[in-house]
Amino acid sequence: MPARPDQPLTLPNGTILKNRLGKSAMSESLGTVDNRMTDALPRLYARWAAGGTGLLITGNVMVDRRHLGEPNNVALEDDRDLPLLREWARAGSADGTQLWMQLNHPGRQVIRFLDPDPVAPSAVPFREDMQAMFGTPRALTEAEIEDIIARFANAARLAQQAGFGGAQIHGAHGYLVSQFLSPLTNRRTDRWGGPLENRMRFVVETYRAMRAATGDGFALSIKLNSADFQRGGFTEEESMQVAQTLAGLGMDLIEISGGTYEAPEMSGGAVRTSTREREAYFLRYAQDIRARIPHTPLMVTGGFRTATAMREALASGATDVVGLARPLVTEPDLSKHVLAGGDVRSTVAPISTGIRRIDEMAMMEVSWYARQLHRMGAGKEPSKQPRGIWSLLAVFGEMASRGFRTRRLRARG
């Protein structure tokens, strides 16, 4: 029988999602300047839990506060914030909702003013036109690689202790796990680089360490690039081999996405018109991989805007969960309307400033949605009027201020 949005889904470890709609991770940047919890996060996730979505995945929680994706990320290294973490878990798990914590390390993908000396599998700089914004990384040592793996496991253990139902490895969008997988950014000649078997070793060992730290009752997921969309990079065939390996090890859910900061397919800005019209950007890849991993649930994220497309994607069998991000920012109750069976269409649309170069930047639209997360974290409803370039300027100003304060705190400490 074809799957429907309102049907529950039982994952390999026994975890039950109450329906087939999932909120994909979006970086909230709602932590403190020194990367600790705030009460804005429980407030935001209580709003989403009330909206009916079966699975909520947090924005990237960093496993090492020395290496952040953005200013005001939450970094999880110890139990000092356990009371607020428990409140976050309680708020986001209301009414049978599953709340999972996405765990991340940025590797080289961190703005220079926040971390001028980033680390990565290899010392590969960004392309020339991005080097003013991103510093050239230092290659990780073997001991540092082992330490990062242990940090992922420790953060997963703490998330479980706080009451989260699962954790997700951010293995997409050009962050550290993705950097290990791609031959463009991983040029190592030791056991962590070279052939795909070695390049996937980091994510395999990270998964094993997280599973050992949490047990089978805690759901583990990965957000995986279908491809890097760069010549000589991580390919769809390689992605499928990684997915097969992780499925064989017991991964509970694989979320499919794609792109990096240098080729931002995940932003929607570089997506072809034909792909945008069929809504689900990565559904074809999901259809191809389904034959290889028929028993591991898949979540496809990117482009869904209508209830009709969501129902068709589930009915096709190519995906088990419809991943939503921006539609749940503009309309936190969207899932309720989809589950009720209505002819629902998201209000999400491209935001234009009229300046082509700015409109093509992934950060322009991301900045507007980031400000809406902050509004909901403050107990307000999201704005209905996109302000394009003004939101971008405001976010850049906030990031610069927060980044400066973060670096000043580090210099003192």
Protein backbone atom coordinates (compact mmCIF):
# COMPACT_ATOMS: atom_id res chain seq x y z
CA MET A 1 0.00 0.00 0.00
CA PRO A 2 1.44 3.45 -0.91
CA ALA A 3 2.65 5.47 2.07
CA ARG A 4 0.74 8.56 3.17
CA PRO A 5 1.91 11.61 5.15
CA ASP A 6 -0.24 10.68 8.16
CA GLN A 7 1.13 7.12 8.48
CA PRO A 8 3.58 6.29 11.28
CA LEU A 9 7.01 4.89 10.41
CA THR A 10 8.94 2.38 12.51
CA LEU A 11 12.72 2.75 12.18
CA PRO A 12 15.18 -0.18 12.31
CA ASN A 13 15.92 0.39 16.02
CA GLY A 14 12.21 0.44 16.92
CA THR A 15 11.78 4.22 17.16
CA ILE A 16 8.37 5.27 15.80
CA LEU A 17 7.81 8.49 13.88
CA LYS A 18 4.16 9.48 14.30
CA ASN A 19 3.93 10.66 10.66
CA ARG A 20 6.03 10.97 7.51
CA LEU A 21 6.84 14.70 7.73
CA GLY A 22 10.23 15.83 9.06
CA LYS A 23 11.81 19.18 9.78
CA SER A 24 15.30 19.23 8.33
CA ALA A 25 18.10 21.00 10.18
CA MET A 26 18.53 24.76 9.87
CA SER A 27 21.24 26.52 11.83
CA GLU A 28 19.52 28.64 14.47
CA SER A 29 22.54 30.49 15.95
CA LEU A 30 20.50 30.95 19.12
CA GLY A 31 23.23 30.06 21.60
CA THR A 32 25.22 32.47 23.70
CA VAL A 33 28.39 34.22 22.56
CA ASP A 34 30.35 31.51 24.40
CA ASN A 35 28.24 28.80 22.71
CA ARG A 36 25.97 27.70 25.51
CA MET A 37 22.24 27.02 25.57
CA THR A 38 19.56 29.72 25.76
CA ASP A 39 15.83 29.47 26.44
CA ALA A 40 15.12 30.63 22.87
CA LEU A 41 15.75 27.08 21.60
CA PRO A 42 13.07 25.35 23.72
CA ARG A 43 10.67 28.16 22.77
CA LEU A 44 11.36 27.71 19.05
CA TYR A 45 11.03 23.93 19.11
CA ALA A 46 7.86 24.00 21.21
CA ARG A 47 6.36 26.07 18.38
CA TRP A 48 7.36 23.48 15.80
CA ALA A 49 6.23 20.54 17.93
CA ALA A 50 2.80 22.17 18.16
CA GLY A 51 2.71 22.31 14.34
CA GLY A 52 2.27 18.55 13.92
CA THR A 53 5.56 17.55 12.26
CA GLY A 54 6.56 14.01 13.27
CA LEU A 55 10.35 14.47 13.30
CA LEU A 56 12.25 17.62 14.26
CA ILE A 57 16.00 17.75 13.62
CA THR A 58 17.86 20.59 15.31
CA GLY A 59 20.30 22.93 13.64
CA ASN A 60 23.94 21.95 13.81
CA VAL A 61 25.22 21.58 17.36
CA MET A 62 29.00 21.77 17.33
CA VAL A 63 31.06 19.03 18.95
CA ASP A 64 34.03 21.34 19.58
CA ARG A 65 33.59 24.98 20.67
CA ARG A 66 37.02 25.79 19.24
CA HIS A 67 35.61 25.09 15.77
CA LEU A 68 32.23 26.67 15.03
CA GLY A 69 30.15 26.93 11.88
CA GLU A 70 28.73 30.32 12.85
CA PRO A 71 28.81 32.65 15.85
CA ASN A 72 26.34 31.66 18.58
CA ASN A 73 26.24 27.99 17.63
CA VAL A 74 25.55 25.74 20.62
CA ALA A 75 28.61 23.58 21.34
CA LEU A 76 28.08 20.39 23.34
CA GLU A 77 31.15 19.12 25.15
CA ASP A 78 29.97 18.51 28.73
CA ASP A 79 26.88 18.47 30.95
CA ARG A 80 27.06 22.06 32.20
CA ASP A 81 23.87 23.00 30.30
CA LEU A 82 22.00 19.79 31.02
CA PRO A 83 18.95 21.50 32.63
CA LEU A 84 18.32 23.70 29.56
CA LEU A 85 19.13 20.81 27.22
CA ARG A 86 16.45 18.78 28.98
CA GLU A 87 14.01 21.66 28.54
CA TRP A 88 14.88 21.76 24.82
CA ALA A 89 14.29 18.00 24.56
CA ARG A 90 11.01 18.22 26.49
CA ALA A 91 9.67 21.11 24.40
CA GLY A 92 10.59 19.55 21.06
CA SER A 93 9.25 16.10 22.01
CA ALA A 94 5.75 17.26 22.93
CA ASP A 95 2.76 15.32 21.62
CA GLY A 96 4.82 12.31 20.56
CA THR A 97 7.19 14.27 18.34
CA GLN A 98 10.68 12.87 17.79
CA LEU A 99 13.42 15.46 18.43
CA TRP A 100 16.91 14.63 17.20
CA MET A 101 20.08 16.67 17.63
CA GLN A 102 22.21 17.29 14.55
CA LEU A 103 25.93 17.13 15.39
CA ASN A 104 28.55 18.87 13.30
CA HIS A 105 32.14 20.00 12.92
CA PRO A 106 32.78 22.65 10.24
CA GLY A 107 36.30 21.65 9.25
CA ARG A 108 37.56 24.28 6.84
CA GLN A 109 34.08 25.68 6.22
CA VAL A 110 34.18 28.50 8.75
CA ILE A 111 34.35 32.22 8.07
CA ARG A 112 37.84 33.64 8.53
CA PHE A 113 36.95 36.26 11.15
CA LEU A 114 35.53 33.52 13.39
CA ASP A 115 38.38 31.04 12.95
CA PRO A 116 41.39 32.18 10.90
CA ASP A 117 43.13 28.80 11.40
CA PRO A 118 40.63 26.05 10.56
CA VAL A 119 41.36 22.34 10.33
CA ALA A 120 40.41 19.83 7.63
CA PRO A 121 41.43 16.44 6.24
CA SER A 122 43.94 18.23 4.00
CA ALA A 123 45.27 21.77 3.60
CA VAL A 124 43.07 22.57 0.60
CA PRO A 125 41.96 26.21 0.30
CA PHE A 126 38.63 27.41 -1.04
CA ARG A 127 38.48 28.56 -4.63
CA GLU A 128 40.23 31.87 -5.25
CA ASP A 129 37.17 34.14 -5.16
CA MET A 130 36.22 32.80 -1.69
CA GLN A 131 39.64 32.88 -0.03
CA ALA A 132 39.13 36.36 1.41
CA MET A 133 36.24 34.92 3.45
CA PHE A 134 37.59 31.44 4.28
CA GLY A 135 41.08 30.70 5.55
CA THR A 136 43.26 27.86 4.27
CA PRO A 137 42.95 24.94 6.70
CA ARG A 138 45.62 22.94 8.45
CA ALA A 139 45.59 19.17 7.88
CA LEU A 140 44.40 17.21 10.90
CA THR A 141 46.76 14.84 12.66
CA GLU A 142 45.80 11.24 13.36
CA ALA A 143 45.32 12.04 17.06
CA GLU A 144 43.07 14.99 16.23
CA ILE A 145 40.91 12.83 13.97
CA GLU A 146 40.45 10.31 16.77
CA ASP A 147 39.60 13.15 19.17
CA ILE A 148 36.88 14.52 16.87
CA ILE A 149 35.32 11.05 16.54
CA ALA A 150 35.25 10.80 20.34
CA ARG A 151 33.64 14.25 20.52
CA PHE A 152 30.78 13.16 18.24
CA ALA A 153 30.21 10.14 20.48
CA ASN A 154 30.32 12.23 23.64
CA ALA A 155 27.84 14.76 22.25
CA ALA A 156 25.46 11.97 21.22
CA ARG A 157 25.68 10.50 24.74
CA LEU A 158 24.87 13.90 26.27
CA ALA A 159 21.94 14.39 23.87
CA GLN A 160 20.55 11.02 24.92
CA GLN A 161 21.05 11.91 28.59
CA ALA A 162 19.10 15.13 28.04
CA GLY A 163 16.14 13.26 26.55
CA PHE A 164 16.59 13.69 22.80
CA GLY A 165 15.29 10.72 20.80
CA GLY A 166 18.22 10.57 18.41
CA ALA A 167 21.17 12.32 16.80
CA GLN A 168 22.12 13.08 13.23
CA ILE A 169 25.63 13.27 11.77
CA HIS A 170 25.90 16.26 9.43
CA GLY A 171 27.65 14.57 6.53
CA ALA A 172 26.57 17.04 3.83
CA HIS A 173 26.99 20.62 2.60
CA GLY A 174 30.77 20.71 2.70
CA TYR A 175 31.34 20.39 6.47
CA LEU A 176 34.03 18.13 7.96
CA VAL A 177 32.41 14.73 7.34
CA SER A 178 31.68 15.78 3.77
CA GLN A 179 35.27 17.02 3.43
CA PHE A 180 36.58 13.58 4.35
CA LEU A 181 34.32 11.96 1.75
CA SER A 182 35.28 14.24 -1.14
CA PRO A 183 38.52 13.67 -3.09
CA LEU A 184 38.63 17.44 -3.70
CA THR A 185 39.15 18.21 -0.02
CA ASN A 186 40.64 14.91 1.18
CA ARG A 187 44.07 14.35 -0.37
CA ARG A 188 45.48 12.30 2.45
CA THR A 189 47.68 9.30 1.73
CA ASP A 190 47.14 7.53 5.06
CA ARG A 191 44.23 5.29 6.13
CA TRP A 192 41.86 8.29 6.15
CA GLY A 193 42.30 9.21 2.47
CA GLY A 194 42.72 7.91 -1.06
CA PRO A 195 40.20 5.26 -2.17
CA LEU A 196 36.58 5.61 -1.07
CA GLU A 197 36.99 2.87 1.53
CA ASN A 198 39.51 5.11 3.31
CA ARG A 199 37.67 8.39 2.72
CA MET A 200 34.52 6.96 4.32
CA ARG A 201 36.45 5.63 7.31
CA PHE A 202 35.90 8.85 9.28
CA VAL A 203 32.10 8.73 9.04
CA VAL A 204 32.01 4.95 9.61
CA GLU A 205 34.10 5.23 12.77
CA THR A 206 32.05 8.23 13.92
CA TYR A 207 28.83 6.23 13.54
CA ARG A 208 30.32 3.23 15.37
CA ALA A 209 31.52 5.41 18.25
CA MET A 210 28.13 7.13 18.56
CA ARG A 211 26.31 3.78 18.53
CA ALA A 212 28.63 2.38 21.18
CA ALA A 213 28.04 5.46 23.36
CA THR A 214 24.24 5.41 23.10
CA GLY A 215 23.05 1.86 22.38
CA ASP A 216 20.45 0.59 19.95
CA GLY A 217 17.50 2.40 21.53
CA PHE A 218 18.80 5.81 20.46
CA ALA A 219 18.08 6.64 16.80
CA LEU A 220 21.07 7.56 14.63
CA SER A 221 20.82 9.30 11.28
CA ILE A 222 23.06 10.97 8.73
CA LYS A 223 22.49 13.86 6.37
CA LEU A 224 24.40 12.80 3.27
CA ASN A 225 25.23 14.59 0.05
CA SER A 226 23.90 12.89 -3.06
CA ALA A 227 26.91 14.57 -4.71
CA ASP A 228 29.14 17.64 -4.37
CA PHE A 229 28.12 18.98 -7.79
CA GLN A 230 31.78 19.81 -8.47
CA ARG A 231 34.03 18.25 -11.09
CA GLY A 232 36.30 15.69 -9.47
CA GLY A 233 34.30 15.72 -6.23
CA PHE A 234 32.14 13.25 -4.32
CA THR A 235 29.94 11.48 -6.90
CA GLU A 236 26.46 9.96 -6.76
CA GLU A 237 27.93 6.47 -7.13
CA GLU A 238 30.28 7.07 -4.20
CA SER A 239 27.40 8.48 -2.17
CA MET A 240 25.39 5.33 -2.81
CA GLN A 241 28.29 3.15 -1.67
CA VAL A 242 28.58 5.16 1.55
CA ALA A 243 24.84 4.88 2.11
CA GLN A 244 24.99 1.11 1.55
CA THR A 245 27.83 0.76 4.04
CA LEU A 246 26.07 2.80 6.73
CA ALA A 247 22.78 1.00 6.12
CA GLY A 248 24.57 -2.31 6.60
CA LEU A 249 25.93 -1.08 9.92
CA GLY A 250 22.44 -0.22 11.17
CA MET A 251 21.87 3.47 10.41
CA ASP A 252 18.24 4.24 11.29
CA LEU A 253 17.54 7.02 8.75
CA ILE A 254 19.47 8.51 5.83
CA GLU A 255 18.56 12.07 4.83
CA ILE A 256 19.50 13.01 1.28
CA SER A 257 20.68 16.48 0.35
CA GLY A 258 23.51 17.91 -1.75
CA GLY A 259 26.03 20.65 -2.42
CA THR A 260 28.64 22.69 -0.55
CA TYR A 261 29.31 26.41 0.01
CA GLU A 262 31.23 26.36 -3.27
CA ALA A 263 28.32 24.68 -5.11
CA PRO A 264 25.26 25.48 -2.95
CA GLU A 265 22.65 23.09 -4.29
CA MET A 266 21.13 22.97 -0.80
CA SER A 267 20.21 26.65 -0.99
CA GLY A 268 17.97 26.27 -4.02
CA GLY A 269 19.67 29.16 -5.74
CA ALA A 270 21.55 27.00 -8.24
CA VAL A 271 18.70 24.58 -8.95
CA ARG A 272 17.49 24.29 -12.54
CA THR A 273 13.95 25.46 -13.33
CA SER A 274 12.85 21.94 -14.33
CA THR A 275 14.05 20.57 -11.00
CA ARG A 276 12.41 23.38 -9.06
CA GLU A 277 9.10 22.71 -10.83
CA ARG A 278 9.09 19.04 -9.84
CA GLU A 279 9.82 20.22 -6.29
CA ALA A 280 11.84 17.34 -4.80
CA TYR A 281 15.41 18.16 -5.85
CA PHE A 282 16.97 14.81 -4.87
CA LEU A 283 14.09 12.41 -5.49
CA ARG A 284 15.70 10.80 -8.55
CA TYR A 285 18.75 9.91 -6.49
CA ALA A 286 16.48 8.47 -3.81
CA GLN A 287 14.75 6.33 -6.43
CA ASP A 288 18.13 4.96 -7.56
CA ILE A 289 19.41 4.22 -4.08
CA ARG A 290 16.18 2.59 -2.90
CA ALA A 291 17.05 -0.55 -4.87
CA ARG A 292 20.37 -0.80 -3.02
CA ILE A 293 19.07 -0.20 0.51
CA PRO A 294 15.43 -1.30 0.49
CA HIS A 295 15.14 -1.64 4.27
CA THR A 296 16.74 1.61 5.47
CA PRO A 297 14.33 4.55 5.71
CA LEU A 298 15.13 7.56 3.55
CA MET A 299 14.28 11.22 4.03
CA VAL A 300 14.44 13.51 1.00
CA THR A 301 14.84 17.21 1.73
CA GLY A 302 14.85 20.13 -0.67
CA GLY A 303 12.19 21.79 -2.80
CA PHE A 304 8.87 20.44 -1.49
CA ARG A 305 6.23 23.15 -1.67
CA THR A 306 2.87 21.43 -2.21
CA ALA A 307 0.98 18.70 -0.38
CA THR A 308 0.40 17.02 -3.72
CA ALA A 309 4.14 16.64 -4.36
CA MET A 310 4.68 15.37 -0.82
CA ARG A 311 1.98 12.72 -1.20
CA GLU A 312 3.28 11.67 -4.61
CA ALA A 313 6.86 11.33 -3.34
CA LEU A 314 5.74 9.10 -0.47
CA ALA A 315 3.41 7.07 -2.68
CA SER A 316 6.26 6.45 -5.15
CA GLY A 317 8.19 4.58 -2.47
CA ALA A 318 11.35 6.57 -3.22
CA THR A 319 11.27 8.24 0.19
CA ASP A 320 9.83 7.35 3.56
CA VAL A 321 9.90 10.85 5.06
CA VAL A 322 9.35 14.23 3.38
CA GLY A 323 11.96 16.69 4.64
CA LEU A 324 10.85 20.30 5.05
CA ALA A 325 12.88 23.32 6.07
CA ARG A 326 11.90 26.78 4.82
CA PRO A 327 8.18 25.96 4.54
CA LEU A 328 8.14 25.31 8.30
CA VAL A 329 9.78 28.68 8.93
CA THR A 330 7.16 30.70 7.10
CA GLU A 331 4.31 28.44 8.28
CA PRO A 332 5.12 26.49 11.46
CA ASP A 333 1.67 24.80 11.29
CA LEU A 334 2.07 23.64 7.68
CA SER A 335 2.32 19.96 8.66
CA LYS A 336 -1.07 20.07 10.39
CA HIS A 337 -2.68 21.28 7.17
CA VAL A 338 -0.92 18.64 5.04
CA LEU A 339 -1.94 15.88 7.46
CA ALA A 340 -5.54 17.08 7.32
CA GLY A 341 -5.55 16.24 3.61
CA GLY A 342 -5.95 19.70 2.18
CA ASP A 343 -4.60 21.08 -1.09
CA VAL A 344 -1.79 22.91 0.68
CA ARG A 345 0.83 25.09 -1.03
CA SER A 346 3.70 26.66 0.89
CA THR A 347 4.13 30.42 0.65
CA VAL A 348 7.90 30.00 0.23
CA ALA A 349 9.17 31.73 -2.91
CA PRO A 350 12.54 33.04 -4.09
CA ILE A 351 13.50 36.33 -2.47
CA SER A 352 14.80 38.88 -4.95
CA THR A 353 16.69 42.11 -4.34
CA GLY A 354 16.88 42.92 -8.04
CA ILE A 355 20.68 42.67 -7.86
CA ARG A 356 21.68 39.53 -9.73
CA ARG A 357 24.98 38.84 -7.97
CA ILE A 358 23.34 39.14 -4.56
CA ASP A 359 20.33 37.05 -5.59
CA GLU A 360 22.69 34.22 -6.59
CA MET A 361 24.35 34.16 -3.15
CA ALA A 362 23.16 31.35 -0.90
CA MET A 363 23.60 33.57 2.16
CA MET A 364 21.04 36.14 0.98
CA GLU A 365 17.98 33.93 1.38
CA VAL A 366 19.45 32.02 4.31
CA SER A 367 19.81 35.29 6.20
CA TRP A 368 16.10 36.12 5.95
CA TYR A 369 15.07 32.69 7.22
CA ALA A 370 17.62 32.91 10.04
CA ARG A 371 15.93 36.09 11.25
CA GLN A 372 12.57 34.31 11.30
CA LEU A 373 14.02 31.59 13.54
CA HIS A 374 15.13 34.33 15.89
CA ARG A 375 11.62 35.80 15.88
CA MET A 376 10.07 32.45 16.80
CA GLY A 377 12.76 31.93 19.43
CA ALA A 378 11.59 35.19 20.97
CA GLY A 379 7.97 33.98 21.02
CA LYS A 380 6.87 35.91 17.93
CA GLU A 381 5.35 34.67 14.68
CA PRO A 382 7.51 34.70 11.54
CA SER A 383 7.33 37.73 9.28
CA LYS A 384 5.40 37.44 6.03
CA GLN A 385 7.35 40.16 4.20
CA PRO A 386 10.80 39.14 2.91
CA ARG A 387 13.27 42.03 3.12
CA GLY A 388 16.05 40.45 1.06
CA ILE A 389 19.18 42.58 1.15
CA TRP A 390 18.22 44.31 4.40
CA SER A 391 18.03 40.96 6.17
CA LEU A 392 21.37 40.02 4.65
CA LEU A 393 23.03 43.20 5.89
CA ALA A 394 21.47 42.80 9.33
CA VAL A 395 22.64 39.19 9.63
CA PHE A 396 26.16 40.05 8.43
CA GLY A 397 26.26 42.82 11.01
CA GLU A 398 25.09 40.47 13.75
CA MET A 399 27.56 37.76 12.70
CA ALA A 400 30.44 40.23 12.66
CA SER A 401 29.53 41.50 16.12
CA ARG A 402 29.05 38.03 17.56
CA GLY A 403 32.20 36.72 15.88
CA PHE A 404 34.22 39.58 17.34
CA ARG A 405 32.84 38.90 20.82
CA THR A 406 33.51 35.17 20.44
CA ARG A 407 37.14 35.79 19.43
CA ARG A 408 37.58 38.30 22.28
CA LEU A 409 36.31 35.72 24.78
CA ARG A 410 38.75 33.15 23.42
CA ALA A 411 41.64 35.58 23.64
CA ARG A 412 40.82 36.19 27.30
CA GLY A 413 40.40 32.55 28.14
